[in-house]
């Protein structure tokens, strides 16, 4: 949605909320006022817990082009006959205190120090879902994109859009994954948009020995909503993703990936996920509604009946007198 479409949607929702608030007396009440606070409290706690889980782990529903099961290479493919957009990658490097911009065609030798990279749109055309996935080796300046996406073996991609802001609390697990990759001859790359000096600081701080590649910052944020996050791909297809809080450890990596469930594509069903989220919300509310109907309302009716009998008793005595 565009910004104006989002604004229009919010205006409509706000108007509907105001209307409901002003006409709340006309609403059909499904639960008594005595139990209303329970529903409100549970709804607040549920929303908070769901948001915290998605923040701590990864979003339950992934609508991005890098969701599990997607093939990155296929997502980069332009349909036959469609006119592609023309992009140009600009690399900013420094030598002897002088910064200069280069493209892939005139990328300089290793005497230059990498500073930053940016991508510019030269000509607008059909834009595939994935259009900015480009892995440039920090060491050699070589474009490794095709080599990685067409590899029939397993590849781990450590995604850290800004390496200087990445959480290093689980760095031991990341290093173990790299050692595991080396042992079983799997590829392992760290993707970042940070400059080379920040990469060197990360290496010094964490003891990282894995190779680094440069990639567009927005693309990295789209791939994994965690800094860092880990992605497992094979032949360009995304098999699994983890936040830094649930990276697999040595107790899971007990054999080669093709012999472990970890090496198989994680089953993902949006319909099933939505169903679970709905059930976790609605089932406790149904229990509260049952308590309200079977206990609270019965108690209220019983009290009302006793009160009615109490009021009618004195009147009958007055008639007898």
Protein backbone atom coordinates (compact mmCIF):
# COMPACT_ATOMS: atom_id res chain seq x y z
CA UNK A 1 0.00 0.00 0.00
CA UNK A 2 1.12 3.53 -0.71
CA UNK A 3 1.37 6.14 2.03
CA UNK A 4 -1.89 7.78 0.91
CA UNK A 5 -3.68 4.42 0.75
CA UNK A 6 -2.50 3.67 4.28
CA UNK A 7 -3.67 7.10 5.42
CA UNK A 8 -7.10 6.59 3.84
CA UNK A 9 -7.43 3.17 5.48
CA UNK A 10 -6.57 4.64 8.88
CA UNK A 11 -9.13 7.44 8.46
CA UNK A 12 -11.88 4.91 7.66
CA UNK A 13 -10.93 2.72 10.64
CA UNK A 14 -10.83 5.76 12.93
CA UNK A 15 -14.28 6.85 11.78
CA UNK A 16 -15.64 3.34 12.38
CA UNK A 17 -14.08 3.26 15.86
CA UNK A 18 -15.62 6.63 16.76
CA UNK A 19 -19.04 5.45 15.54
CA UNK A 20 -18.83 2.26 17.61
CA UNK A 21 -17.76 4.22 20.70
CA UNK A 22 -20.61 6.73 20.39
CA UNK A 23 -23.24 4.04 19.75
CA UNK A 24 -21.88 1.48 22.18
CA UNK A 25 -25.25 1.27 23.95
CA UNK A 26 -26.71 -0.31 20.81
CA UNK A 27 -24.12 -3.06 20.70
CA UNK A 28 -25.17 -6.60 21.51
CA UNK A 29 -23.40 -7.63 24.72
CA UNK A 30 -22.06 -11.18 24.73
CA UNK A 31 -20.54 -11.00 28.18
CA UNK A 32 -21.55 -9.35 31.43
CA UNK A 33 -19.83 -6.26 32.75
CA UNK A 34 -18.42 -8.30 35.64
CA UNK A 35 -16.35 -10.41 33.22
CA UNK A 36 -15.58 -7.70 30.71
CA UNK A 37 -12.33 -6.79 32.44
CA UNK A 38 -11.12 -10.39 32.04
CA UNK A 39 -11.63 -10.21 28.27
CA UNK A 40 -9.88 -6.84 28.07
CA UNK A 41 -6.94 -8.02 30.17
CA UNK A 42 -6.54 -11.25 28.20
CA UNK A 43 -6.70 -9.39 24.87
CA UNK A 44 -3.99 -6.99 26.03
CA UNK A 45 -1.75 -9.81 27.28
CA UNK A 46 -2.33 -11.85 24.13
CA UNK A 47 -1.39 -8.99 21.80
CA UNK A 48 1.66 -8.19 23.93
CA UNK A 49 2.80 -11.83 24.02
CA UNK A 50 2.30 -12.25 20.27
CA UNK A 51 4.25 -9.07 19.50
CA UNK A 52 7.04 -10.09 21.88
CA UNK A 53 7.28 -13.55 20.32
CA UNK A 54 7.55 -12.10 16.81
CA UNK A 55 10.18 -9.64 18.02
CA UNK A 56 12.16 -12.28 19.92
CA UNK A 57 11.91 -14.86 17.15
CA UNK A 58 10.70 -14.11 13.62
CA UNK A 59 7.26 -12.97 12.36
CA UNK A 60 4.70 -15.78 12.32
CA UNK A 61 3.53 -14.76 8.86
CA UNK A 62 6.11 -13.86 6.26
CA UNK A 63 4.78 -11.92 3.27
CA UNK A 64 8.20 -11.00 1.94
CA UNK A 65 9.84 -12.45 -1.18
CA UNK A 66 12.40 -14.23 1.03
CA UNK A 67 9.93 -16.46 2.84
CA UNK A 68 10.74 -20.12 3.46
CA UNK A 69 10.17 -22.20 0.34
CA UNK A 70 10.86 -19.37 -2.09
CA UNK A 71 13.53 -19.76 -4.74
CA UNK A 72 15.64 -16.61 -4.83
CA UNK A 73 16.80 -17.14 -8.39
CA UNK A 74 13.22 -17.64 -9.55
CA UNK A 75 12.19 -14.50 -7.70
CA UNK A 76 14.83 -12.59 -9.64
CA UNK A 77 13.64 -13.90 -13.01
CA UNK A 78 11.87 -11.53 -15.37
CA UNK A 79 8.98 -13.02 -17.41
CA UNK A 80 9.56 -13.45 -21.11
CA UNK A 81 8.79 -10.29 -23.01
CA UNK A 82 8.85 -8.02 -19.94
CA UNK A 83 11.20 -5.08 -20.01
CA UNK A 84 13.58 -5.21 -17.05
CA UNK A 85 14.62 -2.29 -14.92
CA UNK A 86 18.23 -1.30 -15.32
CA UNK A 87 20.18 -0.88 -12.10
CA UNK A 88 23.75 0.12 -11.49
CA UNK A 89 25.76 -0.82 -8.42
CA UNK A 90 28.01 1.96 -7.23
CA UNK A 91 30.94 1.14 -4.95
CA UNK A 92 32.58 3.84 -2.88
CA UNK A 93 36.23 3.10 -2.14
CA UNK A 94 39.06 5.08 -0.62
CA UNK A 95 42.78 5.31 -1.31
CA UNK A 96 45.26 7.76 0.18
CA UNK A 97 42.41 9.65 1.83
CA UNK A 98 40.55 10.13 -1.45
CA UNK A 99 37.10 8.60 -1.98
CA UNK A 100 35.95 7.58 -5.42
CA UNK A 101 32.95 5.81 -6.94
CA UNK A 102 33.32 2.70 -9.10
CA UNK A 103 31.05 0.26 -10.92
CA UNK A 104 31.55 -3.46 -11.52
CA UNK A 105 33.10 -2.63 -14.88
CA UNK A 106 35.92 -0.55 -13.43
CA UNK A 107 36.26 -2.05 -9.95
CA UNK A 108 39.83 -1.28 -8.78
CA UNK A 109 42.50 -3.52 -7.27
CA UNK A 110 42.90 -4.48 -3.62
CA UNK A 111 44.92 -1.36 -2.79
CA UNK A 112 41.61 0.49 -2.46
CA UNK A 113 39.58 0.26 0.76
CA UNK A 114 35.86 -0.40 0.54
CA UNK A 115 33.70 2.28 2.20
CA UNK A 116 30.10 1.78 1.08
CA UNK A 117 27.87 0.60 -1.74
CA UNK A 118 24.66 1.89 -3.26
CA UNK A 119 22.33 0.87 -6.05
CA UNK A 120 20.77 3.37 -8.42
CA UNK A 121 17.91 2.87 -10.87
CA UNK A 122 18.93 3.89 -14.36
CA UNK A 123 15.78 2.83 -16.23
CA UNK A 124 12.41 1.71 -14.80
CA UNK A 125 10.89 -1.50 -16.12
CA UNK A 126 9.32 -4.71 -14.78
CA UNK A 127 10.53 -5.22 -11.25
CA UNK A 128 10.67 -8.84 -10.05
CA UNK A 129 9.93 -9.55 -6.37
CA UNK A 130 13.67 -9.93 -5.73
CA UNK A 131 15.69 -7.34 -7.61
CA UNK A 132 18.51 -6.32 -5.29
CA UNK A 133 20.10 -9.64 -4.27
CA UNK A 134 23.75 -9.25 -5.17
CA UNK A 135 26.63 -10.81 -3.20
CA UNK A 136 29.94 -9.01 -3.70
CA UNK A 137 32.95 -10.53 -1.99
CA UNK A 138 34.64 -8.04 0.32
CA UNK A 139 38.00 -9.71 -0.24
CA UNK A 140 38.06 -9.95 -4.04
CA UNK A 141 35.20 -7.76 -5.23
CA UNK A 142 33.87 -10.76 -7.16
CA UNK A 143 30.13 -11.17 -7.72
CA UNK A 144 29.24 -14.50 -6.07
CA UNK A 145 25.48 -14.29 -6.61
CA UNK A 146 25.09 -16.85 -9.38
CA UNK A 147 27.67 -19.19 -7.86
CA UNK A 148 25.75 -19.32 -4.57
CA UNK A 149 22.22 -19.49 -5.97
CA UNK A 150 23.00 -22.29 -8.42
CA UNK A 151 24.95 -24.40 -5.93
CA UNK A 152 23.19 -27.73 -5.41
CA UNK A 153 24.77 -28.01 -1.98
CA UNK A 154 23.84 -26.30 1.27
CA UNK A 155 24.79 -22.69 1.98
CA UNK A 156 24.46 -20.82 5.26
CA UNK A 157 23.91 -17.07 4.96
CA UNK A 158 24.50 -15.02 8.08
CA UNK A 159 22.52 -11.82 7.53
CA UNK A 160 23.67 -8.73 9.45
CA UNK A 161 22.48 -5.61 7.70
CA UNK A 162 24.64 -3.41 9.94
CA UNK A 163 27.39 -5.50 11.47
CA UNK A 164 28.27 -2.79 14.00
CA UNK A 165 24.71 -2.97 15.39
CA UNK A 166 24.46 -6.77 15.38
CA UNK A 167 23.80 -8.66 18.61
CA UNK A 168 26.89 -10.68 19.52
CA UNK A 169 25.38 -12.50 22.52
CA UNK A 170 25.08 -15.74 20.54
CA UNK A 171 28.29 -15.42 18.58
CA UNK A 172 29.57 -18.77 19.89
CA UNK A 173 26.64 -20.52 18.21
CA UNK A 174 27.36 -18.70 14.96
CA UNK A 175 31.01 -19.71 15.07
CA UNK A 176 29.94 -23.30 15.76
CA UNK A 177 27.70 -23.21 12.67
CA UNK A 178 30.68 -21.99 10.63
CA UNK A 179 32.93 -24.74 12.01
CA UNK A 180 30.20 -27.26 11.21
CA UNK A 181 30.01 -25.88 7.65
CA UNK A 182 33.75 -26.20 7.18
CA UNK A 183 33.71 -29.74 8.55
CA UNK A 184 30.98 -30.86 6.14
CA UNK A 185 32.14 -28.68 3.22
CA UNK A 186 29.11 -26.39 3.17
CA UNK A 187 29.39 -22.78 2.09
CA UNK A 188 29.02 -20.04 4.68
CA UNK A 189 28.90 -16.29 4.03
CA UNK A 190 28.12 -13.28 6.14
CA UNK A 191 26.10 -10.66 4.25
CA UNK A 192 26.30 -7.06 5.39
CA UNK A 193 26.13 -3.51 4.12
CA UNK A 194 28.67 -2.22 6.64
CA UNK A 195 32.02 -0.78 5.52
CA UNK A 196 35.19 -2.82 5.70
CA UNK A 197 36.50 -1.23 8.89
CA UNK A 198 33.34 -2.28 10.75
CA UNK A 199 33.76 -5.80 9.40
CA UNK A 200 37.32 -5.89 10.73
CA UNK A 201 36.12 -4.68 14.13
CA UNK A 202 33.53 -7.47 14.15
CA UNK A 203 36.22 -10.02 13.33
CA UNK A 204 38.42 -8.77 16.15
CA UNK A 205 35.53 -8.78 18.62
CA UNK A 206 34.04 -12.16 17.73
CA UNK A 207 36.90 -14.13 16.20
CA UNK A 208 34.92 -14.53 12.98
CA UNK A 209 36.77 -16.44 10.27
CA UNK A 210 33.96 -16.73 7.73
CA UNK A 211 34.00 -14.76 4.46
CA UNK A 212 32.01 -11.54 4.12
CA UNK A 213 29.98 -10.23 1.21
CA UNK A 214 28.50 -6.81 0.59
CA UNK A 215 24.81 -6.43 -0.16
CA UNK A 216 22.21 -3.69 -0.24
CA UNK A 217 21.01 -2.72 3.24
CA UNK A 218 17.30 -2.79 2.39
CA UNK A 219 17.61 -6.24 0.82
CA UNK A 220 19.26 -7.57 3.97
CA UNK A 221 16.53 -6.13 6.19
CA UNK A 222 13.95 -7.79 3.95
CA UNK A 223 15.63 -11.19 4.09
CA UNK A 224 15.59 -11.66 7.87
CA UNK A 225 14.05 -9.40 10.51
CA UNK A 226 16.88 -10.06 12.91
CA UNK A 227 20.36 -8.63 13.22
CA UNK A 228 22.00 -11.02 12.85
CA UNK A 229 19.81 -13.73 11.39
CA UNK A 230 20.67 -17.03 9.75
CA UNK A 231 19.33 -18.46 6.50
CA UNK A 232 19.86 -21.90 5.00
CA UNK A 233 19.50 -22.25 1.23
CA UNK A 234 20.05 -25.02 -1.27
CA UNK A 235 20.04 -24.56 -5.04
CA UNK A 236 18.68 -21.07 -4.45
CA UNK A 237 15.68 -22.24 -2.38
CA UNK A 238 15.26 -20.99 1.17
CA UNK A 239 14.96 -24.02 3.45
CA UNK A 240 14.89 -22.33 6.84
CA UNK A 241 15.50 -19.09 8.69
CA UNK A 242 16.42 -18.36 12.30
CA UNK A 243 16.73 -15.28 14.44
CA UNK A 244 19.86 -14.94 16.55
CA UNK A 245 17.86 -16.18 19.54
CA UNK A 246 17.06 -19.62 18.11
CA UNK A 247 20.10 -20.53 16.03
CA UNK A 248 20.58 -24.33 16.02
CA UNK A 249 23.29 -25.59 18.35
CA UNK A 250 25.67 -28.55 18.43
CA UNK A 251 22.98 -30.78 19.94
CA UNK A 252 20.95 -30.38 16.75
CA UNK A 253 23.82 -30.49 14.26
CA UNK A 254 24.76 -34.10 14.96
CA UNK A 255 25.18 -35.27 11.36
CA UNK A 256 25.19 -34.06 7.77
CA UNK A 257 22.29 -31.83 6.82
CA UNK A 258 20.85 -34.28 4.31
CA UNK A 259 20.38 -36.72 7.19
CA UNK A 260 18.75 -34.20 9.52
CA UNK A 261 15.32 -32.58 9.52
CA UNK A 262 17.22 -29.31 9.67
CA UNK A 263 18.38 -29.89 6.10
CA UNK A 264 14.84 -30.29 4.79
CA UNK A 265 12.58 -27.42 3.90
CA UNK A 266 10.67 -26.31 6.96
CA UNK A 267 6.94 -26.93 6.39
CA UNK A 268 5.15 -23.60 6.40
CA UNK A 269 1.41 -23.04 5.99
CA UNK A 270 -0.02 -19.55 6.39
CA UNK A 271 -3.54 -20.97 6.78
CA UNK A 272 -2.43 -23.29 9.58
CA UNK A 273 -0.50 -20.49 11.30
CA UNK A 274 -3.51 -18.19 11.15
CA UNK A 275 -5.64 -21.02 12.50
CA UNK A 276 -3.32 -21.54 15.47
CA UNK A 277 -3.20 -17.82 16.21
CA UNK A 278 -7.00 -17.64 16.05
CA UNK A 279 -7.46 -20.69 18.28
CA UNK A 280 -5.00 -19.43 20.88
CA UNK A 281 -7.05 -16.26 21.05
CA UNK A 282 -10.61 -17.56 20.77
CA UNK A 283 -10.49 -20.73 22.92
CA UNK A 284 -9.64 -18.92 26.20
CA UNK A 285 -12.33 -16.35 25.38
CA UNK A 286 -14.86 -19.16 24.92
CA UNK A 287 -13.85 -20.51 28.34
CA UNK A 288 -14.41 -17.07 29.84
CA UNK A 289 -17.79 -16.88 28.09
CA UNK A 290 -18.70 -20.31 29.49
CA UNK A 291 -17.83 -19.19 33.01
CA UNK A 292 -19.87 -16.05 32.45
CA UNK A 293 -22.94 -17.98 31.25
CA UNK A 294 -22.79 -20.94 33.64
CA UNK A 295 -21.67 -19.21 36.81
CA UNK A 296 -21.88 -15.41 36.74
CA UNK A 297 -25.22 -15.05 34.99
CA UNK A 298 -26.78 -17.90 36.99
CA UNK A 299 -25.57 -16.26 40.18
CA UNK A 300 -27.02 -12.93 39.07
CA UNK A 301 -30.37 -14.55 38.24
CA UNK A 302 -30.41 -16.36 41.58
CA UNK A 303 -29.70 -13.15 43.46
CA UNK A 304 -32.35 -11.33 41.44
CA UNK A 305 -34.86 -14.08 42.26
CA UNK A 306 -34.06 -13.96 45.98
CA UNK A 307 -34.36 -10.21 45.96
CA UNK A 308 -37.73 -10.44 44.25
CA UNK A 309 -38.95 -12.93 46.85
CA UNK A 310 -37.65 -10.70 49.60
CA UNK A 311 -39.50 -7.72 48.19
CA UNK A 312 -42.77 -9.63 47.74
CA UNK A 313 -42.75 -11.09 51.30
CA UNK A 314 -43.43 -7.84 53.21
CA UNK A 315 -46.16 -6.86 50.75
CA UNK A 316 -48.09 -10.09 51.40
CA UNK A 317 -47.83 -9.53 55.16
CA UNK A 318 -49.21 -6.02 54.72
CA UNK A 319 -52.21 -7.42 52.81
CA UNK A 320 -52.98 -9.92 55.60
CA UNK A 321 -52.93 -7.14 58.19
